PDB file of N, CA and C in Angstrom:
ATOM      1  N   UNK A   1     -65.942 -45.952 146.366  1.00  0.00           N
ATOM      2  CA  UNK A   1     -65.238 -46.199 144.830  1.00  0.00           C
ATOM      3  C   UNK A   1     -66.019 -45.300 143.915  1.00  0.00           C
ATOM      4  N   UNK A   2     -65.304 -44.915 143.081  1.00  0.00           N
ATOM      5  CA  UNK A   2     -65.834 -44.226 141.918  1.00  0.00           C
ATOM      6  C   UNK A   2     -66.996 -45.427 140.814  1.00  0.00           C
ATOM      7  N   UNK A   3     -67.697 -45.082 140.234  1.00  0.00           N
ATOM      8  CA  UNK A   3     -68.044 -46.162 139.504  1.00  0.00           C
ATOM      9  C   UNK A   3     -67.277 -46.543 138.180  1.00  0.00           C
ATOM     10  N   UNK A   4     -66.986 -47.915 137.763  1.00  0.00           N
ATOM     11  CA  UNK A   4     -66.348 -47.939 136.663  1.00  0.00           C
ATOM     12  C   UNK A   4     -66.715 -47.374 135.588  1.00  0.00           C
ATOM     13  N   UNK A   5     -68.014 -46.947 135.383  1.00  0.00           N
ATOM     14  CA  UNK A   5     -68.584 -46.552 134.049  1.00  0.00           C
ATOM     15  C   UNK A   5     -69.490 -45.686 134.465  1.00  0.00           C
ATOM     16  N   UNK A   6     -69.756 -44.662 133.734  1.00  0.00           N
ATOM     17  CA  UNK A   6     -70.588 -43.510 133.998  1.00  0.00           C
ATOM     18  C   UNK A   6     -71.046 -42.882 132.453  1.00  0.00           C
ATOM     19  N   UNK A   7     -72.311 -43.546 132.248  1.00  0.00           N
ATOM     20  CA  UNK A   7     -73.067 -43.491 131.087  1.00  0.00           C
ATOM     21  C   UNK A   7     -72.108 -43.832 130.131  1.00  0.00           C
ATOM     22  N   UNK A   8     -71.851 -45.224 130.188  1.00  0.00           N
ATOM     23  CA  UNK A   8     -71.136 -45.997 129.176  1.00  0.00           C
ATOM     24  C   UNK A   8     -69.822 -45.629 128.853  1.00  0.00           C
ATOM     25  N   UNK A   9     -69.368 -44.511 129.459  1.00  0.00           N
ATOM     26  CA  UNK A   9     -67.801 -44.187 129.530  1.00  0.00           C
ATOM     27  C   UNK A   9     -66.938 -44.585 130.780  1.00  0.00           C
ATOM     28  N   UNK A  10     -65.886 -45.424 130.478  1.00  0.00           N
ATOM     29  CA  UNK A  10     -65.134 -45.616 131.444  1.00  0.00           C
ATOM     30  C   UNK A  10     -64.407 -44.380 132.467  1.00  0.00           C
ATOM     31  N   UNK A  11     -64.595 -44.495 133.911  1.00  0.00           N
ATOM     32  CA  UNK A  11     -64.021 -43.371 134.400  1.00  0.00           C
ATOM     33  C   UNK A  11     -62.948 -43.575 135.201  1.00  0.00           C
ATOM     34  N   UNK A  12     -62.892 -45.007 135.651  1.00  0.00           N
ATOM     35  CA  UNK A  12     -61.770 -45.679 136.517  1.00  0.00           C
ATOM     36  C   UNK A  12     -61.213 -46.598 135.830  1.00  0.00           C
ATOM     37  N   UNK A  13     -59.740 -46.710 136.088  1.00  0.00           N
ATOM     38  CA  UNK A  13     -58.800 -47.788 135.660  1.00  0.00           C
ATOM     39  C   UNK A  13     -58.231 -48.180 136.509  1.00  0.00           C
ATOM     40  N   UNK A  14     -57.437 -47.413 137.133  1.00  0.00           N
ATOM     41  CA  UNK A  14     -56.641 -47.979 138.199  1.00  0.00           C
ATOM     42  C   UNK A  14     -56.143 -46.649 139.239  1.00  0.00           C
ATOM     43  N   UNK A  15     -56.019 -47.434 140.478  1.00  0.00           N
ATOM     44  CA  UNK A  15     -55.768 -46.338 141.729  1.00  0.00           C
ATOM     45  C   UNK A  15     -54.272 -46.631 142.198  1.00  0.00           C
ATOM     46  N   UNK A  16     -53.320 -46.226 142.487  1.00  0.00           N
ATOM     47  CA  UNK A  16     -51.941 -46.535 143.257  1.00  0.00           C
ATOM     48  C   UNK A  16     -51.850 -45.929 144.414  1.00  0.00           C
ATOM     49  N   UNK A  17     -51.838 -46.272 145.455  1.00  0.00           N
ATOM     50  CA  UNK A  17     -52.038 -45.429 146.835  1.00  0.00           C
ATOM     51  C   UNK A  17     -50.336 -45.925 147.533  1.00  0.00           C
ATOM     52  N   UNK A  18     -49.754 -45.040 148.001  1.00  0.00           N
ATOM     53  CA  UNK A  18     -48.609 -45.547 148.636  1.00  0.00           C
ATOM     54  C   UNK A  18     -48.641 -45.005 150.081  1.00  0.00           C
ATOM     55  N   UNK A  19     -47.624 -45.952 150.848  1.00  0.00           N
ATOM     56  CA  UNK A  19     -47.669 -45.947 152.151  1.00  0.00           C
ATOM     57  C   UNK A  19     -47.741 -44.355 152.997  1.00  0.00           C
ATOM     58  N   UNK A  20     -46.872 -43.482 152.405  1.00  0.00           N
ATOM     59  CA  UNK A  20     -47.147 -42.228 152.926  1.00  0.00           C
ATOM     60  C   UNK A  20     -48.348 -41.893 152.990  1.00  0.00           C
ATOM     61  N   UNK A  21     -49.300 -42.541 152.343  1.00  0.00           N
ATOM     62  CA  UNK A  21     -51.040 -41.429 152.362  1.00  0.00           C
ATOM     63  C   UNK A  21     -51.338 -41.621 153.764  1.00  0.00           C
ATOM     64  N   UNK A  22     -52.078 -40.653 153.948  1.00  0.00           N
ATOM     65  CA  UNK A  22     -52.533 -40.589 155.512  1.00  0.00           C
ATOM     66  C   UNK A  22     -54.515 -40.698 155.424  1.00  0.00           C
ATOM     67  N   UNK A  23     -54.696 -40.392 154.225  1.00  0.00           N
ATOM     68  CA  UNK A  23     -56.106 -40.443 153.913  1.00  0.00           C
ATOM     69  C   UNK A  23     -56.778 -41.462 154.322  1.00  0.00           C
ATOM     70  N   UNK A  24     -58.348 -41.619 154.700  1.00  0.00           N
ATOM     71  CA  UNK A  24     -58.847 -42.632 154.259  1.00  0.00           C
ATOM     72  C   UNK A  24     -58.861 -43.699 153.440  1.00  0.00           C
ATOM     73  N   UNK A  25     -58.567 -44.922 153.329  1.00  0.00           N
ATOM     74  CA  UNK A  25     -58.527 -45.776 151.996  1.00  0.00           C
ATOM     75  C   UNK A  25     -60.220 -46.530 151.756  1.00  0.00           C
ATOM     76  N   UNK A  26     -60.347 -47.005 150.705  1.00  0.00           N
ATOM     77  CA  UNK A  26     -61.599 -47.641 150.228  1.00  0.00           C
ATOM     78  C   UNK A  26     -61.400 -48.804 151.427  1.00  0.00           C
ATOM     79  N   UNK A  27     -62.580 -49.245 151.642  1.00  0.00           N
ATOM     80  CA  UNK A  27     -62.914 -50.754 152.146  1.00  0.00           C
ATOM     81  C   UNK A  27     -62.100 -51.010 153.772  1.00  0.00           C
ATOM     82  N   UNK A  28     -62.101 -49.471 154.221  1.00  0.00           N
ATOM     83  CA  UNK A  28     -61.462 -49.517 155.671  1.00  0.00           C
ATOM     84  C   UNK A  28     -60.318 -50.046 155.739  1.00  0.00           C
ATOM     85  N   UNK A  29     -59.304 -50.128 154.468  1.00  0.00           N
ATOM     86  CA  UNK A  29     -58.206 -50.900 154.524  1.00  0.00           C
ATOM     87  C   UNK A  29     -57.215 -49.518 154.964  1.00  0.00           C
ATOM     88  N   UNK A  30     -56.107 -50.150 155.566  1.00  0.00           N
ATOM     89  CA  UNK A  30     -54.678 -49.213 156.238  1.00  0.00           C
ATOM     90  C   UNK A  30     -53.784 -49.966 156.040  1.00  0.00           C
ATOM     91  N   UNK A  31     -52.775 -48.899 156.115  1.00  0.00           N
ATOM     92  CA  UNK A  31     -51.292 -49.516 155.915  1.00  0.00           C
ATOM     93  C   UNK A  31     -50.542 -50.514 157.099  1.00  0.00           C
ATOM     94  N   UNK A  32     -51.481 -50.533 158.015  1.00  0.00           N
ATOM     95  CA  UNK A  32     -50.893 -51.142 159.421  1.00  0.00           C
ATOM     96  C   UNK A  32     -51.599 -52.705 159.575  1.00  0.00           C
ATOM     97  N   UNK A  33     -52.469 -52.853 158.259  1.00  0.00           N
ATOM     98  CA  UNK A  33     -53.036 -54.177 158.233  1.00  0.00           C
ATOM     99  C   UNK A  33     -52.510 -55.579 158.521  1.00  0.00           C
ATOM    100  N   UNK A  34     -52.648 -56.176 159.105  1.00  0.00           N
ATOM    101  CA  UNK A  34     -52.096 -57.783 158.947  1.00  0.00           C
ATOM    102  C   UNK A  34     -52.644 -58.412 157.862  1.00  0.00           C
ATOM    103  N   UNK A  35     -52.057 -59.602 157.567  1.00  0.00           N
ATOM    104  CA  UNK A  35     -52.492 -60.519 156.465  1.00  0.00           C
ATOM    105  C   UNK A  35     -54.017 -60.995 156.989  1.00  0.00           C
ATOM    106  N   UNK A  36     -54.181 -61.158 158.410  1.00  0.00           N
ATOM    107  CA  UNK A  36     -55.631 -61.659 158.907  1.00  0.00           C
ATOM    108  C   UNK A  36     -56.569 -60.550 158.292  1.00  0.00           C
ATOM    109  N   UNK A  37     -56.583 -59.485 158.877  1.00  0.00           N
ATOM    110  CA  UNK A  37     -57.466 -58.073 158.830  1.00  0.00           C
ATOM    111  C   UNK A  37     -57.439 -58.341 157.257  1.00  0.00           C
ATOM    112  N   UNK A  38     -56.741 -58.010 156.432  1.00  0.00           N
ATOM    113  CA  UNK A  38     -56.949 -58.263 155.003  1.00  0.00           C
ATOM    114  C   UNK A  38     -57.812 -58.956 154.369  1.00  0.00           C
ATOM    115  N   UNK A  39     -57.621 -60.391 154.929  1.00  0.00           N
ATOM    116  CA  UNK A  39     -58.753 -61.372 154.478  1.00  0.00           C
ATOM    117  C   UNK A  39     -60.124 -61.217 155.155  1.00  0.00           C
ATOM    118  N   UNK A  40     -60.062 -60.466 156.246  1.00  0.00           N
ATOM    119  CA  UNK A  40     -61.353 -60.150 156.967  1.00  0.00           C
ATOM    120  C   UNK A  40     -62.153 -59.117 156.037  1.00  0.00           C
ATOM    121  N   UNK A  41     -61.280 -57.867 155.707  1.00  0.00           N
ATOM    122  CA  UNK A  41     -61.865 -56.914 154.737  1.00  0.00           C
ATOM    123  C   UNK A  41     -62.092 -57.392 153.714  1.00  0.00           C
ATOM    124  N   UNK A  42     -61.438 -58.076 152.743  1.00  0.00           N
ATOM    125  CA  UNK A  42     -61.399 -58.419 151.175  1.00  0.00           C
ATOM    126  C   UNK A  42     -61.694 -59.849 151.062  1.00  0.00           C
ATOM    127  N   UNK A  43     -61.606 -60.949 151.819  1.00  0.00           N
ATOM    128  CA  UNK A  43     -62.085 -61.896 151.244  1.00  0.00           C
ATOM    129  C   UNK A  43     -60.475 -62.833 151.432  1.00  0.00           C
ATOM    130  N   UNK A  44     -60.891 -64.162 150.957  1.00  0.00           N
ATOM    131  CA  UNK A  44     -59.469 -65.036 150.557  1.00  0.00           C
ATOM    132  C   UNK A  44     -58.878 -64.577 149.533  1.00  0.00           C
ATOM    133  N   UNK A  45     -57.998 -64.189 149.595  1.00  0.00           N
ATOM    134  CA  UNK A  45     -56.654 -63.673 148.453  1.00  0.00           C
ATOM    135  C   UNK A  45     -56.550 -64.995 146.872  1.00  0.00           C
ATOM    136  N   UNK A  46     -56.784 -64.364 145.934  1.00  0.00           N
ATOM    137  CA  UNK A  46     -57.007 -64.919 144.631  1.00  0.00           C
ATOM    138  C   UNK A  46     -55.415 -65.407 144.588  1.00  0.00           C
ATOM    139  N   UNK A  47     -54.629 -65.058 144.767  1.00  0.00           N
ATOM    140  CA  UNK A  47     -53.192 -65.099 144.565  1.00  0.00           C
ATOM    141  C   UNK A  47     -52.322 -64.862 145.633  1.00  0.00           C
ATOM    142  N   UNK A  48     -51.602 -65.281 146.035  1.00  0.00           N
ATOM    143  CA  UNK A  48     -50.063 -64.741 147.081  1.00  0.00           C
ATOM    144  C   UNK A  48     -48.688 -65.451 146.726  1.00  0.00           C
ATOM    145  N   UNK A  49     -48.040 -64.769 146.101  1.00  0.00           N
ATOM    146  CA  UNK A  49     -46.603 -65.104 145.637  1.00  0.00           C
ATOM    147  C   UNK A  49     -45.676 -64.906 146.517  1.00  0.00           C
ATOM    148  N   UNK A  50     -46.041 -65.512 147.740  1.00  0.00           N
ATOM    149  CA  UNK A  50     -45.191 -65.865 148.857  1.00  0.00           C
ATOM    150  C   UNK A  50     -43.854 -66.150 148.451  1.00  0.00           C
ATOM    151  N   UNK A  51     -43.831 -67.095 147.754  1.00  0.00           N
ATOM    152  CA  UNK A  51     -42.606 -67.814 147.282  1.00  0.00           C
ATOM    153  C   UNK A  51     -41.783 -67.197 146.033  1.00  0.00           C
ATOM    154  N   UNK A  52     -42.554 -65.869 145.409  1.00  0.00           N
ATOM    155  CA  UNK A  52     -41.536 -65.176 144.780  1.00  0.00           C
ATOM    156  C   UNK A  52     -40.498 -64.724 145.389  1.00  0.00           C
ATOM    157  N   UNK A  53     -40.127 -63.321 145.164  1.00  0.00           N
ATOM    158  CA  UNK A  53     -39.152 -62.933 145.596  1.00  0.00           C
ATOM    159  C   UNK A  53     -38.984 -62.458 147.192  1.00  0.00           C
ATOM    160  N   UNK A  54     -37.656 -62.998 147.907  1.00  0.00           N
ATOM    161  CA  UNK A  54     -37.835 -63.053 149.168  1.00  0.00           C
ATOM    162  C   UNK A  54     -38.113 -61.794 149.894  1.00  0.00           C
ATOM    163  N   UNK A  55     -37.650 -60.710 149.037  1.00  0.00           N
ATOM    164  CA  UNK A  55     -37.819 -59.303 149.605  1.00  0.00           C
ATOM    165  C   UNK A  55     -39.020 -58.911 149.615  1.00  0.00           C
ATOM    166  N   UNK A  56     -40.095 -59.382 149.171  1.00  0.00           N
ATOM    167  CA  UNK A  56     -41.437 -58.793 148.745  1.00  0.00           C
ATOM    168  C   UNK A  56     -42.368 -59.883 148.694  1.00  0.00           C
ATOM    169  N   UNK A  57     -43.699 -59.374 148.956  1.00  0.00           N
ATOM    170  CA  UNK A  57     -45.057 -60.459 148.994  1.00  0.00           C
ATOM    171  C   UNK A  57     -45.985 -59.525 148.404  1.00  0.00           C
ATOM    172  N   UNK A  58     -46.567 -60.302 147.355  1.00  0.00           N
ATOM    173  CA  UNK A  58     -47.780 -59.782 146.643  1.00  0.00           C
ATOM    174  C   UNK A  58     -48.842 -60.258 146.891  1.00  0.00           C
ATOM    175  N   UNK A  59     -50.057 -59.714 147.259  1.00  0.00           N
ATOM    176  CA  UNK A  59     -51.345 -60.727 147.360  1.00  0.00           C
ATOM    177  C   UNK A  59     -52.437 -59.848 146.393  1.00  0.00           C
ATOM    178  N   UNK A  60     -53.232 -60.658 145.859  1.00  0.00           N
ATOM    179  CA  UNK A  60     -54.376 -60.053 144.761  1.00  0.00           C
ATOM    180  C   UNK A  60     -55.586 -60.911 145.441  1.00  0.00           C
ATOM    181  N   UNK A  61     -56.353 -59.581 145.460  1.00  0.00           N
ATOM    182  CA  UNK A  61     -57.650 -60.001 146.082  1.00  0.00           C
ATOM    183  C   UNK A  61     -58.802 -59.703 144.809  1.00  0.00           C
ATOM    184  N   UNK A  62     -60.088 -60.183 144.807  1.00  0.00           N
ATOM    185  CA  UNK A  62     -61.385 -59.659 144.001  1.00  0.00           C
ATOM    186  C   UNK A  62     -62.420 -59.352 144.816  1.00  0.00           C
ATOM    187  N   UNK A  63     -62.375 -58.306 144.913  1.00  0.00           N
ATOM    188  CA  UNK A  63     -63.307 -57.675 145.901  1.00  0.00           C
ATOM    189  C   UNK A  63     -64.374 -56.378 145.237  1.00  0.00           C
ATOM    190  N   UNK A  64     -65.571 -56.792 145.547  1.00  0.00           N
ATOM    191  CA  UNK A  64     -66.506 -55.376 144.958  1.00  0.00           C
ATOM    192  C   UNK A  64     -66.282 -54.977 143.435  1.00  0.00           C
ATOM    193  N   UNK A  65     -66.056 -56.158 142.727  1.00  0.00           N
ATOM    194  CA  UNK A  65     -65.830 -55.977 141.168  1.00  0.00           C
ATOM    195  C   UNK A  65     -64.594 -55.182 140.706  1.00  0.00           C
ATOM    196  N   UNK A  66     -63.570 -55.187 142.170  1.00  0.00           N
ATOM    197  CA  UNK A  66     -62.048 -54.540 141.740  1.00  0.00           C
ATOM    198  C   UNK A  66     -61.108 -55.678 141.925  1.00  0.00           C
ATOM    199  N   UNK A  67     -59.836 -55.568 141.062  1.00  0.00           N
ATOM    200  CA  UNK A  67     -58.706 -56.417 141.452  1.00  0.00           C
ATOM    201  C   UNK A  67     -57.840 -55.505 142.438  1.00  0.00           C
ATOM    202  N   UNK A  68     -57.676 -56.017 143.723  1.00  0.00           N
ATOM    203  CA  UNK A  68     -56.988 -55.215 144.784  1.00  0.00           C
ATOM    204  C   UNK A  68     -55.415 -55.703 145.047  1.00  0.00           C
ATOM    205  N   UNK A  69     -54.447 -55.409 144.776  1.00  0.00           N
ATOM    206  CA  UNK A  69     -53.488 -55.746 144.879  1.00  0.00           C
ATOM    207  C   UNK A  69     -52.456 -55.122 145.750  1.00  0.00           C
ATOM    208  N   UNK A  70     -52.031 -56.038 146.969  1.00  0.00           N
ATOM    209  CA  UNK A  70     -51.462 -55.401 148.044  1.00  0.00           C
ATOM    210  C   UNK A  70     -49.730 -55.993 148.093  1.00  0.00           C
ATOM    211  N   UNK A  71     -49.144 -54.699 147.822  1.00  0.00           N
ATOM    212  CA  UNK A  71     -47.112 -55.106 147.792  1.00  0.00           C
ATOM    213  C   UNK A  71     -46.817 -54.808 149.655  1.00  0.00           C
ATOM    214  N   UNK A  72     -46.160 -55.911 149.682  1.00  0.00           N
ATOM    215  CA  UNK A  72     -45.616 -56.035 150.981  1.00  0.00           C
ATOM    216  C   UNK A  72     -43.983 -56.432 151.418  1.00  0.00           C
ATOM    217  N   UNK A  73     -43.584 -55.776 152.064  1.00  0.00           N
ATOM    218  CA  UNK A  73     -42.116 -56.299 152.191  1.00  0.00           C
ATOM    219  C   UNK A  73     -41.922 -57.604 152.858  1.00  0.00           C
ATOM    220  N   UNK A  74     -40.838 -58.001 153.401  1.00  0.00           N
ATOM    221  CA  UNK A  74     -40.237 -59.227 153.895  1.00  0.00           C
ATOM    222  C   UNK A  74     -40.702 -59.258 155.192  1.00  0.00           C
ATOM    223  N   UNK A  75     -41.258 -58.444 155.769  1.00  0.00           N
ATOM    224  CA  UNK A  75     -41.755 -58.288 157.322  1.00  0.00           C
ATOM    225  C   UNK A  75     -43.194 -58.405 157.123  1.00  0.00           C
ATOM    226  N   UNK A  76     -43.956 -58.219 155.907  1.00  0.00           N
ATOM    227  CA  UNK A  76     -45.482 -58.255 155.713  1.00  0.00           C
ATOM    228  C   UNK A  76     -45.814 -56.879 156.191  1.00  0.00           C
ATOM    229  N   UNK A  77     -44.891 -55.651 155.835  1.00  0.00           N
ATOM    230  CA  UNK A  77     -45.597 -54.121 155.904  1.00  0.00           C
ATOM    231  C   UNK A  77     -46.068 -54.105 154.591  1.00  0.00           C
ATOM    232  N   UNK A  78     -47.173 -53.360 154.524  1.00  0.00           N
ATOM    233  CA  UNK A  78     -47.817 -52.915 153.349  1.00  0.00           C
ATOM    234  C   UNK A  78     -46.972 -51.747 152.695  1.00  0.00           C
ATOM    235  N   UNK A  79     -46.523 -51.583 151.724  1.00  0.00           N
ATOM    236  CA  UNK A  79     -45.768 -50.667 150.947  1.00  0.00           C
ATOM    237  C   UNK A  79     -46.683 -50.031 149.896  1.00  0.00           C
ATOM    238  N   UNK A  80     -47.711 -50.572 149.390  1.00  0.00           N
ATOM    239  CA  UNK A  80     -48.119 -49.949 148.033  1.00  0.00           C
ATOM    240  C   UNK A  80     -49.524 -51.212 147.910  1.00  0.00           C
ATOM    241  N   UNK A  81     -50.876 -50.194 147.674  1.00  0.00           N
ATOM    242  CA  UNK A  81     -51.877 -50.848 147.430  1.00  0.00           C
ATOM    243  C   UNK A  81     -52.473 -50.442 146.125  1.00  0.00           C
ATOM    244  N   UNK A  82     -52.759 -51.030 145.263  1.00  0.00           N
ATOM    245  CA  UNK A  82     -53.267 -51.051 143.811  1.00  0.00           C
ATOM    246  C   UNK A  82     -55.002 -51.547 143.628  1.00  0.00           C
ATOM    247  N   UNK A  83     -55.916 -50.517 143.266  1.00  0.00           N
ATOM    248  CA  UNK A  83     -57.285 -50.921 142.962  1.00  0.00           C
ATOM    249  C   UNK A  83     -57.542 -51.048 141.619  1.00  0.00           C
ATOM    250  N   UNK A  84     -57.563 -51.712 140.645  1.00  0.00           N
ATOM    251  CA  UNK A  84     -57.480 -52.004 139.416  1.00  0.00           C
ATOM    252  C   UNK A  84     -59.195 -52.347 139.093  1.00  0.00           C
ATOM    253  N   UNK A  85     -59.736 -51.669 137.766  1.00  0.00           N
ATOM    254  CA  UNK A  85     -60.836 -52.134 137.289  1.00  0.00           C
ATOM    255  C   UNK A  85     -60.465 -52.992 136.394  1.00  0.00           C
ATOM    256  N   UNK A  86     -61.000 -54.362 136.593  1.00  0.00           N
ATOM    257  CA  UNK A  86     -60.742 -55.517 135.533  1.00  0.00           C
ATOM    258  C   UNK A  86     -61.851 -55.298 134.064  1.00  0.00           C
ATOM    259  N   UNK A  87     -61.460 -54.085 133.185  1.00  0.00           N
ATOM    260  CA  UNK A  87     -62.401 -53.962 132.297  1.00  0.00           C
ATOM    261  C   UNK A  87     -61.821 -54.634 131.196  1.00  0.00           C
TER     262      UNK A  87
END
């Protein structure tokens, strides 16, 4: 990943990757990952809103100084991944 700061200036804030992406993702993530693989790659999630909206599940991880948010549908297929610098 890009460093959050370069010569004291912020160079990274947020990256959003959609399911249609076919390129490699940071931390060896991919859109076919199941919850078990996400936990193995990113650690225990900070927040899981499984009981929020029934058609969507959002998992929030803190890994390598980034907030990583995984958006899944009701079948736990990943639709969207956000990498956020908590600056």
